[in-house]
PDB file of N, CA and C in Angstrom:
ATOM      1  N   MET A   1      69.816 122.433  24.922  1.00  0.00           N
ATOM      2  CA  MET A   1      69.005 121.397  24.319  1.00  0.00           C
ATOM      3  C   MET A   1      69.182 121.471  22.803  1.00  0.00           C
ATOM      4  N   GLU A   2      69.339 120.309  22.207  1.00  0.00           N
ATOM      5  CA  GLU A   2      69.517 120.224  20.750  1.00  0.00           C
ATOM      6  C   GLU A   2      68.442 119.317  20.179  1.00  0.00           C
ATOM      7  N   PHE A   3      67.797 119.770  19.108  1.00  0.00           N
ATOM      8  CA  PHE A   3      66.769 118.982  18.438  1.00  0.00           C
ATOM      9  C   PHE A   3      67.399 118.306  17.228  1.00  0.00           C
ATOM     10  N   VAL A   4      67.195 117.002  17.115  1.00  0.00           N
ATOM     11  CA  VAL A   4      67.847 116.190  16.086  1.00  0.00           C
ATOM     12  C   VAL A   4      66.877 115.898  14.947  1.00  0.00           C
ATOM     13  N   HIS A   5      67.394 116.062  13.726  1.00  0.00           N
ATOM     14  CA  HIS A   5      66.609 115.713  12.535  1.00  0.00           C
ATOM     15  C   HIS A   5      67.538 115.065  11.522  1.00  0.00           C
ATOM     16  N   ASN A   6      67.123 113.940  10.976  1.00  0.00           N
ATOM     17  CA  ASN A   6      67.890 113.224   9.969  1.00  0.00           C
ATOM     18  C   ASN A   6      66.971 112.925   8.797  1.00  0.00           C
ATOM     19  N   GLU A   7      67.342 113.407   7.626  1.00  0.00           N
ATOM     20  CA  GLU A   7      66.541 113.205   6.410  1.00  0.00           C
ATOM     21  C   GLU A   7      66.453 111.736   6.004  1.00  0.00           C
ATOM     22  N   LYS A   8      67.393 110.907   6.483  1.00  0.00           N
ATOM     23  CA  LYS A   8      67.401 109.492   6.109  1.00  0.00           C
ATOM     24  C   LYS A   8      66.483 108.657   7.001  1.00  0.00           C
ATOM     25  N   ALA A   9      65.914 109.281   8.013  1.00  0.00           N
ATOM     26  CA  ALA A   9      64.954 108.605   8.893  1.00  0.00           C
ATOM     27  C   ALA A   9      63.566 109.145   8.560  1.00  0.00           C
ATOM     28  N   PRO A  10      62.521 108.417   8.924  1.00  0.00           N
ATOM     29  CA  PRO A  10      61.167 108.928   8.641  1.00  0.00           C
ATOM     30  C   PRO A  10      60.939 110.292   9.284  1.00  0.00           C
ATOM     31  N   LYS A  11      60.300 111.165   8.530  1.00  0.00           N
ATOM     32  CA  LYS A  11      59.958 112.487   9.057  1.00  0.00           C
ATOM     33  C   LYS A  11      58.949 112.328  10.186  1.00  0.00           C
ATOM     34  N   ALA A  12      59.012 113.241  11.140  1.00  0.00           N
ATOM     35  CA  ALA A  12      58.027 113.239  12.219  1.00  0.00           C
ATOM     36  C   ALA A  12      56.643 113.461  11.606  1.00  0.00           C
ATOM     37  N   ILE A  13      55.663 112.672  12.041  1.00  0.00           N
ATOM     38  CA  ILE A  13      54.314 112.820  11.493  1.00  0.00           C
ATOM     39  C   ILE A  13      53.425 113.617  12.449  1.00  0.00           C
ATOM     40  N   GLY A  14      54.065 114.409  13.275  1.00  0.00           N
ATOM     41  CA  GLY A  14      53.359 115.259  14.222  1.00  0.00           C
ATOM     42  C   GLY A  14      54.295 116.337  14.736  1.00  0.00           C
ATOM     43  N   PRO A  15      53.861 117.109  15.720  1.00  0.00           N
ATOM     44  CA  PRO A  15      54.684 118.204  16.242  1.00  0.00           C
ATOM     45  C   PRO A  15      55.688 117.705  17.291  1.00  0.00           C
ATOM     46  N   TYR A  16      56.685 116.951  16.839  1.00  0.00           N
ATOM     47  CA  TYR A  16      57.724 116.448  17.737  1.00  0.00           C
ATOM     48  C   TYR A  16      59.022 116.302  16.958  1.00  0.00           C
ATOM     49  N   SER A  17      60.117 116.115  17.685  1.00  0.00           N
ATOM     50  CA  SER A  17      61.437 115.920  17.083  1.00  0.00           C
ATOM     51  C   SER A  17      61.760 114.430  17.033  1.00  0.00           C
ATOM     52  N   GLN A  18      62.613 114.055  16.086  1.00  0.00           N
ATOM     53  CA  GLN A  18      63.057 112.666  16.023  1.00  0.00           C
ATOM     54  C   GLN A  18      63.820 112.303  17.291  1.00  0.00           C
ATOM     55  N   ALA A  19      64.558 113.271  17.818  1.00  0.00           N
ATOM     56  CA  ALA A  19      65.293 113.069  19.075  1.00  0.00           C
ATOM     57  C   ALA A  19      65.645 114.425  19.657  1.00  0.00           C
ATOM     58  N   VAL A  20      65.908 114.422  20.948  1.00  0.00           N
ATOM     59  CA  VAL A  20      66.342 115.626  21.647  1.00  0.00           C
ATOM     60  C   VAL A  20      67.544 115.253  22.500  1.00  0.00           C
ATOM     61  N   VAL A  21      68.608 116.066  22.418  1.00  0.00           N
ATOM     62  CA  VAL A  21      69.798 115.875  23.239  1.00  0.00           C
ATOM     63  C   VAL A  21      69.716 116.857  24.395  1.00  0.00           C
ATOM     64  N   ALA A  22      69.810 116.335  25.610  1.00  0.00           N
ATOM     65  CA  ALA A  22      69.759 117.190  26.797  1.00  0.00           C
ATOM     66  C   ALA A  22      70.461 116.485  27.949  1.00  0.00           C
ATOM     67  N   GLY A  23      71.275 117.214  28.672  1.00  0.00           N
ATOM     68  CA  GLY A  23      71.911 116.673  29.861  1.00  0.00           C
ATOM     69  C   GLY A  23      72.758 115.434  29.624  1.00  0.00           C
ATOM     70  N   GLY A  24      73.424 115.343  28.481  1.00  0.00           N
ATOM     71  CA  GLY A  24      74.272 114.199  28.185  1.00  0.00           C
ATOM     72  C   GLY A  24      73.530 112.962  27.722  1.00  0.00           C
ATOM     73  N   LEU A  25      72.207 113.107  27.532  1.00  0.00           N
ATOM     74  CA  LEU A  25      71.388 111.993  27.063  1.00  0.00           C
ATOM     75  C   LEU A  25      70.694 112.345  25.765  1.00  0.00           C
ATOM     76  N   VAL A  26      70.346 111.322  25.007  1.00  0.00           N
ATOM     77  CA  VAL A  26      69.571 111.484  23.778  1.00  0.00           C
ATOM     78  C   VAL A  26      68.252 110.757  23.980  1.00  0.00           C
ATOM     79  N   PHE A  27      67.169 111.480  23.834  1.00  0.00           N
ATOM     80  CA  PHE A  27      65.833 110.912  23.969  1.00  0.00           C
ATOM     81  C   PHE A  27      65.246 110.781  22.572  1.00  0.00           C
ATOM     82  N   CYS A  28      65.172 109.546  22.077  1.00  0.00           N
ATOM     83  CA  CYS A  28      64.654 109.303  20.725  1.00  0.00           C
ATOM     84  C   CYS A  28      63.155 109.056  20.787  1.00  0.00           C
ATOM     85  N   ALA A  29      62.436 109.769  19.941  1.00  0.00           N
ATOM     86  CA  ALA A  29      61.000 109.531  19.811  1.00  0.00           C
ATOM     87  C   ALA A  29      60.780 108.113  19.324  1.00  0.00           C
ATOM     88  N   GLY A  30      59.620 107.575  19.630  1.00  0.00           N
ATOM     89  CA  GLY A  30      59.295 106.244  19.165  1.00  0.00           C
ATOM     90  C   GLY A  30      59.360 106.167  17.649  1.00  0.00           C
ATOM     91  N   GLN A  31      60.009 105.128  17.165  1.00  0.00           N
ATOM     92  CA  GLN A  31      60.087 104.881  15.731  1.00  0.00           C
ATOM     93  C   GLN A  31      59.180 103.704  15.397  1.00  0.00           C
ATOM     94  N   THR A  32      58.420 103.873  14.334  1.00  0.00           N
ATOM     95  CA  THR A  32      57.596 102.802  13.799  1.00  0.00           C
ATOM     96  C   THR A  32      58.277 102.291  12.529  1.00  0.00           C
ATOM     97  N   PRO A  33      57.749 101.252  11.906  1.00  0.00           N
ATOM     98  CA  PRO A  33      58.408 100.682  10.725  1.00  0.00           C
ATOM     99  C   PRO A  33      58.139 101.441   9.425  1.00  0.00           C
ATOM    100  N   ILE A  34      58.009 102.738   9.516  1.00  0.00           N
ATOM    101  CA  ILE A  34      57.810 103.558   8.310  1.00  0.00           C
ATOM    102  C   ILE A  34      59.099 103.575   7.500  1.00  0.00           C
ATOM    103  N   HIS A  35      58.982 103.289   6.220  1.00  0.00           N
ATOM    104  CA  HIS A  35      60.141 103.367   5.329  1.00  0.00           C
ATOM    105  C   HIS A  35      60.420 104.840   5.060  1.00  0.00           C
ATOM    106  N   PRO A  36      61.652 105.309   5.275  1.00  0.00           N
ATOM    107  CA  PRO A  36      61.937 106.745   5.170  1.00  0.00           C
ATOM    108  C   PRO A  36      61.663 107.368   3.802  1.00  0.00           C
ATOM    109  N   GLN A  37      61.852 106.612   2.732  1.00  0.00           N
ATOM    110  CA  GLN A  37      61.649 107.184   1.399  1.00  0.00           C
ATOM    111  C   GLN A  37      60.176 107.269   1.013  1.00  0.00           C
ATOM    112  N   THR A  38      59.399 106.281   1.400  1.00  0.00           N
ATOM    113  CA  THR A  38      57.994 106.260   0.981  1.00  0.00           C
ATOM    114  C   THR A  38      57.045 106.798   2.045  1.00  0.00           C
ATOM    115  N   MET A  39      57.533 106.863   3.302  1.00  0.00           N
ATOM    116  CA  MET A  39      56.715 107.270   4.446  1.00  0.00           C
ATOM    117  C   MET A  39      55.500 106.351   4.612  1.00  0.00           C
ATOM    118  N   LYS A  40      55.693 105.080   4.213  1.00  0.00           N
ATOM    119  CA  LYS A  40      54.656 104.066   4.378  1.00  0.00           C
ATOM    120  C   LYS A  40      55.254 102.853   5.076  1.00  0.00           C
ATOM    121  N   ILE A  41      54.403 102.053   5.694  1.00  0.00           N
ATOM    122  CA  ILE A  41      54.841 100.791   6.264  1.00  0.00           C
ATOM    123  C   ILE A  41      54.790  99.760   5.147  1.00  0.00           C
ATOM    124  N   GLU A  42      55.959  99.278   4.749  1.00  0.00           N
ATOM    125  CA  GLU A  42      56.044  98.332   3.647  1.00  0.00           C
ATOM    126  C   GLU A  42      56.135  96.890   4.130  1.00  0.00           C
ATOM    127  N   ALA A  43      56.659  96.687   5.327  1.00  0.00           N
ATOM    128  CA  ALA A  43      56.814  95.341   5.879  1.00  0.00           C
ATOM    129  C   ALA A  43      55.516  94.910   6.542  1.00  0.00           C
ATOM    130  N   SER A  44      55.142  93.661   6.336  1.00  0.00           N
ATOM    131  CA  SER A  44      53.873  93.201   6.902  1.00  0.00           C
ATOM    132  C   SER A  44      54.036  92.413   8.196  1.00  0.00           C
ATOM    133  N   GLY A  45      55.130  91.678   8.352  1.00  0.00           N
ATOM    134  CA  GLY A  45      55.311  90.837   9.531  1.00  0.00           C
ATOM    135  C   GLY A  45      56.066  91.537  10.646  1.00  0.00           C
ATOM    136  N   ILE A  46      55.955  91.004  11.852  1.00  0.00           N
ATOM    137  CA  ILE A  46      56.591  91.604  13.020  1.00  0.00           C
ATOM    138  C   ILE A  46      58.112  91.620  12.901  1.00  0.00           C
ATOM    139  N   GLU A  47      58.706  90.582  12.339  1.00  0.00           N
ATOM    140  CA  GLU A  47      60.164  90.544  12.229  1.00  0.00           C
ATOM    141  C   GLU A  47      60.679  91.635  11.283  1.00  0.00           C
ATOM    142  N   GLU A  48      60.058  91.750  10.115  1.00  0.00           N
ATOM    143  CA  GLU A  48      60.473  92.769   9.160  1.00  0.00           C
ATOM    144  C   GLU A  48      60.213  94.170   9.713  1.00  0.00           C
ATOM    145  N   GLN A  49      59.085  94.333  10.390  1.00  0.00           N
ATOM    146  CA  GLN A  49      58.777  95.647  10.961  1.00  0.00           C
ATOM    147  C   GLN A  49      59.781  96.007  12.058  1.00  0.00           C
ATOM    148  N   THR A  50      60.164  95.045  12.877  1.00  0.00           N
ATOM    149  CA  THR A  50      61.147  95.319  13.936  1.00  0.00           C
ATOM    150  C   THR A  50      62.492  95.694  13.335  1.00  0.00           C
ATOM    151  N   ARG A  51      62.901  95.025  12.261  1.00  0.00           N
ATOM    152  CA  ARG A  51      64.158  95.380  11.588  1.00  0.00           C
ATOM    153  C   ARG A  51      64.117  96.823  11.095  1.00  0.00           C
ATOM    154  N   GLN A  52      62.991  97.235  10.510  1.00  0.00           N
ATOM    155  CA  GLN A  52      62.873  98.608  10.001  1.00  0.00           C
ATOM    156  C   GLN A  52      62.899  99.611  11.150  1.00  0.00           C
ATOM    157  N   VAL A  53      62.225  99.293  12.244  1.00  0.00           N
ATOM    158  CA  VAL A  53      62.224 100.179  13.416  1.00  0.00           C
ATOM    159  C   VAL A  53      63.652 100.381  13.925  1.00  0.00           C
ATOM    160  N   LEU A  54      64.405  99.291  14.077  1.00  0.00           N
ATOM    161  CA  LEU A  54      65.781  99.403  14.567  1.00  0.00           C
ATOM    162  C   LEU A  54      66.659 100.172  13.587  1.00  0.00           C
ATOM    163  N   ALA A  55      66.447  99.981  12.295  1.00  0.00           N
ATOM    164  CA  ALA A  55      67.197 100.744  11.290  1.00  0.00           C
ATOM    165  C   ALA A  55      66.869 102.229  11.411  1.00  0.00           C
ATOM    166  N   ASN A  56      65.599 102.564  11.619  1.00  0.00           N
ATOM    167  CA  ASN A  56      65.200 103.959  11.773  1.00  0.00           C
ATOM    168  C   ASN A  56      65.829 104.577  13.019  1.00  0.00           C
ATOM    169  N   LEU A  57      65.802 103.851  14.141  1.00  0.00           N
ATOM    170  CA  LEU A  57      66.432 104.355  15.368  1.00  0.00           C
ATOM    171  C   LEU A  57      67.921 104.570  15.167  1.00  0.00           C
ATOM    172  N   ASN A  58      68.571 103.603  14.527  1.00  0.00           N
ATOM    173  CA  ASN A  58      70.009 103.711  14.278  1.00  0.00           C
ATOM    174  C   ASN A  58      70.317 104.923  13.409  1.00  0.00           C
ATOM    175  N   GLU A  59      69.477 105.189  12.437  1.00  0.00           N
ATOM    176  CA  GLU A  59      69.682 106.343  11.558  1.00  0.00           C
ATOM    177  C   GLU A  59      69.565 107.653  12.337  1.00  0.00           C
ATOM    178  N   VAL A  60      68.564 107.764  13.195  1.00  0.00           N
ATOM    179  CA  VAL A  60      68.410 108.965  14.013  1.00  0.00           C
ATOM    180  C   VAL A  60      69.644 109.137  14.899  1.00  0.00           C
ATOM    181  N   LEU A  61      70.077 108.074  15.549  1.00  0.00           N
ATOM    182  CA  LEU A  61      71.246 108.150  16.427  1.00  0.00           C
ATOM    183  C   LEU A  61      72.516 108.516  15.665  1.00  0.00           C
ATOM    184  N   SER A  62      72.629 108.049  14.425  1.00  0.00           N
ATOM    185  CA  SER A  62      73.829 108.324  13.630  1.00  0.00           C
ATOM    186  C   SER A  62      74.013 109.814  13.354  1.00  0.00           C
ATOM    187  N   THR A  63      72.936 110.567  13.413  1.00  0.00           N
ATOM    188  CA  THR A  63      73.004 112.013  13.186  1.00  0.00           C
ATOM    189  C   THR A  63      73.978 112.676  14.156  1.00  0.00           C
ATOM    190  N   ILE A  64      74.075 112.135  15.352  1.00  0.00           N
ATOM    191  CA  ILE A  64      74.970 112.719  16.361  1.00  0.00           C
ATOM    192  C   ILE A  64      76.117 111.762  16.707  1.00  0.00           C
ATOM    193  N   GLY A  65      76.447 110.897  15.765  1.00  0.00           N
ATOM    194  CA  GLY A  65      77.600 110.020  15.916  1.00  0.00           C
ATOM    195  C   GLY A  65      77.399 108.855  16.864  1.00  0.00           C
ATOM    196  N   LEU A  66      76.166 108.455  17.078  1.00  0.00           N
ATOM    197  CA  LEU A  66      75.871 107.338  17.971  1.00  0.00           C
ATOM    198  C   LEU A  66      75.272 106.174  17.197  1.00  0.00           C
ATOM    199  N   SER A  67      75.082 105.059  17.894  1.00  0.00           N
ATOM    200  CA  SER A  67      74.441 103.887  17.299  1.00  0.00           C
ATOM    201  C   SER A  67      73.653 103.170  18.393  1.00  0.00           C
ATOM    202  N   LEU A  68      73.077 102.040  18.048  1.00  0.00           N
ATOM    203  CA  LEU A  68      72.336 101.260  19.037  1.00  0.00           C
ATOM    204  C   LEU A  68      73.234 100.838  20.204  1.00  0.00           C
ATOM    205  N   ALA A  69      74.543 100.779  19.999  1.00  0.00           N
ATOM    206  CA  ALA A  69      75.479 100.407  21.061  1.00  0.00           C
ATOM    207  C   ALA A  69      75.545 101.457  22.169  1.00  0.00           C
ATOM    208  N   ASP A  70      75.014 102.651  21.919  1.00  0.00           N
ATOM    209  CA  ASP A  70      75.023 103.727  22.913  1.00  0.00           C
ATOM    210  C   ASP A  70      73.702 103.838  23.664  1.00  0.00           C
ATOM    211  N   VAL A  71      72.767 102.965  23.354  1.00  0.00           N
ATOM    212  CA  VAL A  71      71.442 103.007  23.976  1.00  0.00           C
ATOM    213  C   VAL A  71      71.522 102.405  25.384  1.00  0.00           C
ATOM    214  N   VAL A  72      70.885 103.088  26.348  1.00  0.00           N
ATOM    215  CA  VAL A  72      70.864 102.589  27.721  1.00  0.00           C
ATOM    216  C   VAL A  72      69.478 102.074  28.125  1.00  0.00           C
ATOM    217  N   LYS A  73      68.425 102.491  27.408  1.00  0.00           N
ATOM    218  CA  LYS A  73      67.056 102.093  27.776  1.00  0.00           C
ATOM    219  C   LYS A  73      66.186 102.140  26.540  1.00  0.00           C
ATOM    220  N   THR A  74      65.343 101.126  26.386  1.00  0.00           N
ATOM    221  CA  THR A  74      64.339 101.132  25.324  1.00  0.00           C
ATOM    222  C   THR A  74      62.967 100.850  25.922  1.00  0.00           C
ATOM    223  N   THR A  75      61.966 101.311  25.217  1.00  0.00           N
ATOM    224  CA  THR A  75      60.595 100.909  25.497  1.00  0.00           C
ATOM    225  C   THR A  75      60.022 100.387  24.195  1.00  0.00           C
ATOM    226  N   VAL A  76      59.518  99.165  24.229  1.00  0.00           N
ATOM    227  CA  VAL A  76      58.946  98.519  23.054  1.00  0.00           C
ATOM    228  C   VAL A  76      57.433  98.476  23.240  1.00  0.00           C
ATOM    229  N   PHE A  77      56.719  98.946  22.237  1.00  0.00           N
ATOM    230  CA  PHE A  77      55.263  98.902  22.227  1.00  0.00           C
ATOM    231  C   PHE A  77      54.841  97.895  21.170  1.00  0.00           C
ATOM    232  N   LEU A  78      54.098  96.875  21.577  1.00  0.00           N
ATOM    233  CA  LEU A  78      53.631  95.839  20.661  1.00  0.00           C
ATOM    234  C   LEU A  78      52.117  95.891  20.543  1.00  0.00           C
ATOM    235  N   LYS A  79      51.629  95.743  19.320  1.00  0.00           N
ATOM    236  CA  LYS A  79      50.182  95.660  19.121  1.00  0.00           C
ATOM    237  C   LYS A  79      49.639  94.351  19.683  1.00  0.00           C
ATOM    238  N   ASN A  80      50.450  93.291  19.604  1.00  0.00           N
ATOM    239  CA  ASN A  80      50.022  91.979  20.078  1.00  0.00           C
ATOM    240  C   ASN A  80      51.194  91.319  20.800  1.00  0.00           C
ATOM    241  N   PHE A  81      51.043  91.089  22.091  1.00  0.00           N
ATOM    242  CA  PHE A  81      52.148  90.520  22.865  1.00  0.00           C
ATOM    243  C   PHE A  81      52.525  89.115  22.404  1.00  0.00           C
ATOM    244  N   ALA A  82      51.651  88.462  21.668  1.00  0.00           N
ATOM    245  CA  ALA A  82      51.998  87.155  21.100  1.00  0.00           C
ATOM    246  C   ALA A  82      53.170  87.271  20.121  1.00  0.00           C
ATOM    247  N   ASP A  83      53.431  88.486  19.612  1.00  0.00           N
ATOM    248  CA  ASP A  83      54.558  88.728  18.707  1.00  0.00           C
ATOM    249  C   ASP A  83      55.880  88.886  19.436  1.00  0.00           C
ATOM    250  N   PHE A  84      55.845  88.863  20.777  1.00  0.00           N
ATOM    251  CA  PHE A  84      57.057  89.108  21.564  1.00  0.00           C
ATOM    252  C   PHE A  84      58.231  88.210  21.172  1.00  0.00           C
ATOM    253  N   PRO A  85      58.078  86.891  21.073  1.00  0.00           N
ATOM    254  CA  PRO A  85      59.244  86.046  20.755  1.00  0.00           C
ATOM    255  C   PRO A  85      59.914  86.415  19.431  1.00  0.00           C
ATOM    256  N   LYS A  86      59.126  86.680  18.407  1.00  0.00           N
ATOM    257  CA  LYS A  86      59.712  87.042  17.105  1.00  0.00           C
ATOM    258  C   LYS A  86      60.363  88.415  17.156  1.00  0.00           C
ATOM    259  N   MET A  87      59.685  89.390  17.794  1.00  0.00           N
ATOM    260  CA  MET A  87      60.278  90.721  17.945  1.00  0.00           C
ATOM    261  C   MET A  87      61.574  90.608  18.729  1.00  0.00           C
ATOM    262  N   ASN A  88      61.552  89.825  19.815  1.00  0.00           N
ATOM    263  CA  ASN A  88      62.700  89.694  20.697  1.00  0.00           C
ATOM    264  C   ASN A  88      63.912  89.107  19.966  1.00  0.00           C
ATOM    265  N   GLY A  89      63.683  88.162  19.064  1.00  0.00           N
ATOM    266  CA  GLY A  89      64.780  87.585  18.290  1.00  0.00           C
ATOM    267  C   GLY A  89      65.454  88.615  17.405  1.00  0.00           C
ATOM    268  N   VAL A  90      64.653  89.418  16.705  1.00  0.00           N
ATOM    269  CA  VAL A  90      65.203  90.463  15.836  1.00  0.00           C
ATOM    270  C   VAL A  90      65.890  91.536  16.691  1.00  0.00           C
ATOM    271  N   TYR A  91      65.261  91.896  17.800  1.00  0.00           N
ATOM    272  CA  TYR A  91      65.822  92.886  18.722  1.00  0.00           C
ATOM    273  C   TYR A  91      67.192  92.421  19.207  1.00  0.00           C
ATOM    274  N   ALA A  92      67.297  91.161  19.622  1.00  0.00           N
ATOM    275  CA  ALA A  92      68.572  90.606  20.100  1.00  0.00           C
ATOM    276  C   ALA A  92      69.629  90.667  19.003  1.00  0.00           C
ATOM    277  N   ASP A  93      69.265  90.319  17.776  1.00  0.00           N
ATOM    278  CA  ASP A  93      70.205  90.408  16.659  1.00  0.00           C
ATOM    279  C   ASP A  93      70.640  91.853  16.433  1.00  0.00           C
ATOM    280  N   GLY A  94      69.695  92.784  16.505  1.00  0.00           N
ATOM    281  CA  GLY A  94      69.996  94.195  16.257  1.00  0.00           C
ATOM    282  C   GLY A  94      70.930  94.798  17.285  1.00  0.00           C
ATOM    283  N   PHE A  95      70.796  94.390  18.540  1.00  0.00           N
ATOM    284  CA  PHE A  95      71.640  94.938  19.592  1.00  0.00           C
ATOM    285  C   PHE A  95      72.898  94.106  19.832  1.00  0.00           C
ATOM    286  N   GLY A  96      72.969  92.906  19.266  1.00  0.00           N
ATOM    287  CA  GLY A  96      74.149  92.068  19.459  1.00  0.00           C
ATOM    288  C   GLY A  96      74.357  91.766  20.934  1.00  0.00           C
ATOM    289  N   SER A  97      75.587  91.886  21.402  1.00  0.00           N
ATOM    290  CA  SER A  97      75.884  91.589  22.808  1.00  0.00           C
ATOM    291  C   SER A  97      75.512  92.738  23.743  1.00  0.00           C
ATOM    292  N   HIS A  98      75.168  93.890  23.182  1.00  0.00           N
ATOM    293  CA  HIS A  98      74.757  95.046  23.990  1.00  0.00           C
ATOM    294  C   HIS A  98      73.348  94.799  24.526  1.00  0.00           C
ATOM    295  N   ARG A  99      73.132  95.001  25.799  1.00  0.00           N
ATOM    296  CA  ARG A  99      71.839  94.717  26.421  1.00  0.00           C
ATOM    297  C   ARG A  99      71.336  95.900  27.242  1.00  0.00           C
ATOM    298  N   PRO A 100      70.719  96.901  26.578  1.00  0.00           N
ATOM    299  CA  PRO A 100      70.159  98.016  27.348  1.00  0.00           C
ATOM    300  C   PRO A 100      68.963  97.557  28.183  1.00  0.00           C
ATOM    301  N   ALA A 101      68.636  98.342  29.204  1.00  0.00           N
ATOM    302  CA  ALA A 101      67.418  98.076  29.964  1.00  0.00           C
ATOM    303  C   ALA A 101      66.236  98.197  29.011  1.00  0.00           C
ATOM    304  N   ARG A 102      65.139  97.478  29.317  1.00  0.00           N
ATOM    305  CA  ARG A 102      64.002  97.510  28.385  1.00  0.00           C
ATOM    306  C   ARG A 102      62.697  97.274  29.126  1.00  0.00           C
ATOM    307  N   SER A 103      61.668  97.958  28.656  1.00  0.00           N
ATOM    308  CA  SER A 103      60.291  97.688  29.047  1.00  0.00           C
ATOM    309  C   SER A 103      59.549  97.332  27.772  1.00  0.00           C
ATOM    310  N   THR A 104      58.624  96.395  27.870  1.00  0.00           N
ATOM    311  CA  THR A 104      57.811  96.014  26.714  1.00  0.00           C
ATOM    312  C   THR A 104      56.358  95.979  27.156  1.00  0.00           C
ATOM    313  N   VAL A 105      55.502  96.661  26.393  1.00  0.00           N
ATOM    314  CA  VAL A 105      54.082  96.709  26.732  1.00  0.00           C
ATOM    315  C   VAL A 105      53.239  96.453  25.488  1.00  0.00           C
ATOM    316  N   GLU A 106      52.063  95.894  25.709  1.00  0.00           N
ATOM    317  CA  GLU A 106      51.094  95.732  24.627  1.00  0.00           C
ATOM    318  C   GLU A 106      50.181  96.953  24.627  1.00  0.00           C
ATOM    319  N   VAL A 107      49.910  97.444  23.433  1.00  0.00           N
ATOM    320  CA  VAL A 107      49.030  98.605  23.276  1.00  0.00           C
ATOM    321  C   VAL A 107      47.913  98.253  22.307  1.00  0.00           C
ATOM    322  N   SER A 108      46.826  99.004  22.361  1.00  0.00           N
ATOM    323  CA  SER A 108      45.686  98.665  21.511  1.00  0.00           C
ATOM    324  C   SER A 108      45.890  99.082  20.060  1.00  0.00           C
ATOM    325  N   ARG A 109      46.656 100.139  19.839  1.00  0.00           N
ATOM    326  CA  ARG A 109      46.865 100.589  18.465  1.00  0.00           C
ATOM    327  C   ARG A 109      48.104 101.459  18.395  1.00  0.00           C
ATOM    328  N   LEU A 110      48.799 101.383  17.265  1.00  0.00           N
ATOM    329  CA  LEU A 110      49.981 102.197  17.010  1.00  0.00           C
ATOM    330  C   LEU A 110      49.755 103.026  15.753  1.00  0.00           C
ATOM    331  N   PRO A 111      50.536 104.109  15.576  1.00  0.00           N
ATOM    332  CA  PRO A 111      50.377 104.938  14.377  1.00  0.00           C
ATOM    333  C   PRO A 111      50.463 104.116  13.091  1.00  0.00           C
ATOM    334  N   MET A 112      49.602 104.419  12.167  1.00  0.00           N
ATOM    335  CA  MET A 112      49.553 103.769  10.858  1.00  0.00           C
ATOM    336  C   MET A 112      49.365 102.253  10.985  1.00  0.00           C
ATOM    337  N   ASP A 113      48.763 101.818  12.082  1.00  0.00           N
ATOM    338  CA  ASP A 113      48.509 100.398  12.352  1.00  0.00           C
ATOM    339  C   ASP A 113      49.775  99.538  12.345  1.00  0.00           C
ATOM    340  N   ALA A 114      50.887 100.137  12.796  1.00  0.00           N
ATOM    341  CA  ALA A 114      52.137  99.387  12.933  1.00  0.00           C
ATOM    342  C   ALA A 114      51.954  98.273  13.959  1.00  0.00           C
ATOM    343  N   LEU A 115      52.798  97.259  13.850  1.00  0.00           N
ATOM    344  CA  LEU A 115      52.789  96.163  14.815  1.00  0.00           C
ATOM    345  C   LEU A 115      53.728  96.423  15.983  1.00  0.00           C
ATOM    346  N   VAL A 116      54.699  97.338  15.782  1.00  0.00           N
ATOM    347  CA  VAL A 116      55.717  97.608  16.798  1.00  0.00           C
ATOM    348  C   VAL A 116      56.194  99.054  16.705  1.00  0.00           C
ATOM    349  N   GLU A 117      56.528  99.607  17.846  1.00  0.00           N
ATOM    350  CA  GLU A 117      57.160 100.917  17.947  1.00  0.00           C
ATOM    351  C   GLU A 117      58.190 100.813  19.062  1.00  0.00           C
ATOM    352  N   ILE A 118      59.355 101.436  18.864  1.00  0.00           N
ATOM    353  CA  ILE A 118      60.393 101.415  19.888  1.00  0.00           C
ATOM    354  C   ILE A 118      60.933 102.826  20.076  1.00  0.00           C
ATOM    355  N   GLU A 119      61.043 103.244  21.340  1.00  0.00           N
ATOM    356  CA  GLU A 119      61.701 104.498  21.682  1.00  0.00           C
ATOM    357  C   GLU A 119      62.933 104.157  22.506  1.00  0.00           C
ATOM    358  N   CYS A 120      63.887 105.089  22.570  1.00  0.00           N
ATOM    359  CA  CYS A 120      65.088 104.779  23.339  1.00  0.00           C
ATOM    360  C   CYS A 120      65.711 106.023  23.931  1.00  0.00           C
ATOM    361  N   ILE A 121      66.582 105.758  24.889  1.00  0.00           N
ATOM    362  CA  ILE A 121      67.431 106.783  25.501  1.00  0.00           C
ATOM    363  C   ILE A 121      68.857 106.304  25.319  1.00  0.00           C
ATOM    364  N   ALA A 122      69.727 107.197  24.845  1.00  0.00           N
ATOM    365  CA  ALA A 122      71.133 106.871  24.628  1.00  0.00           C
ATOM    366  C   ALA A 122      72.001 107.880  25.379  1.00  0.00           C
ATOM    367  N   VAL A 123      73.263 107.514  25.555  1.00  0.00           N
ATOM    368  CA  VAL A 123      74.221 108.390  26.229  1.00  0.00           C
ATOM    369  C   VAL A 123      75.107 109.026  25.176  1.00  0.00           C
ATOM    370  N   VAL A 124      75.294 110.341  25.292  1.00  0.00           N
ATOM    371  CA  VAL A 124      76.160 111.086  24.380  1.00  0.00           C
ATOM    372  C   VAL A 124      77.607 110.745  24.714  1.00  0.00           C
ATOM    373  N   LYS A 125      78.398 110.501  23.689  1.00  0.00           N
ATOM    374  CA  LYS A 125      79.828 110.218  23.892  1.00  0.00           C
ATOM    375  C   LYS A 125      80.538 111.504  24.286  1.00  0.00           C
ATOM    376  N   SER A 126      81.459 111.390  25.270  1.00  0.00           N
ATOM    377  CA  SER A 126      82.191 112.596  25.659  1.00  0.00           C
ATOM    378  C   SER A 126      83.452 112.791  24.861  1.00  0.00           C
TER     379      SER A 126
END
């Protein structure tokens, strides 16, 4: 098992790793729209927050030579499901033609009152 840490991604705000590599898979902790340099949420809208979340996930994956193109499953947590269409548009742009499996759920609250959080599972390149 390998624990992944990337200084260019937001630091963990609790006792967890940004990602863990095990059994040929990478399990990325949920990323919120925290800006890595300020450790604050700077974006106010769902589209901007989703872009930051995807950038954070991509940064964590880049630590081990991967990108969003290596993701096989995501889970999206939304504070308000009414934001789904806007989040989905940014998500589609971020993943391009790659279409990992996905679950999306509405939650009552996210860390630092974020509007969106996304976690993912990726496959390690052989």
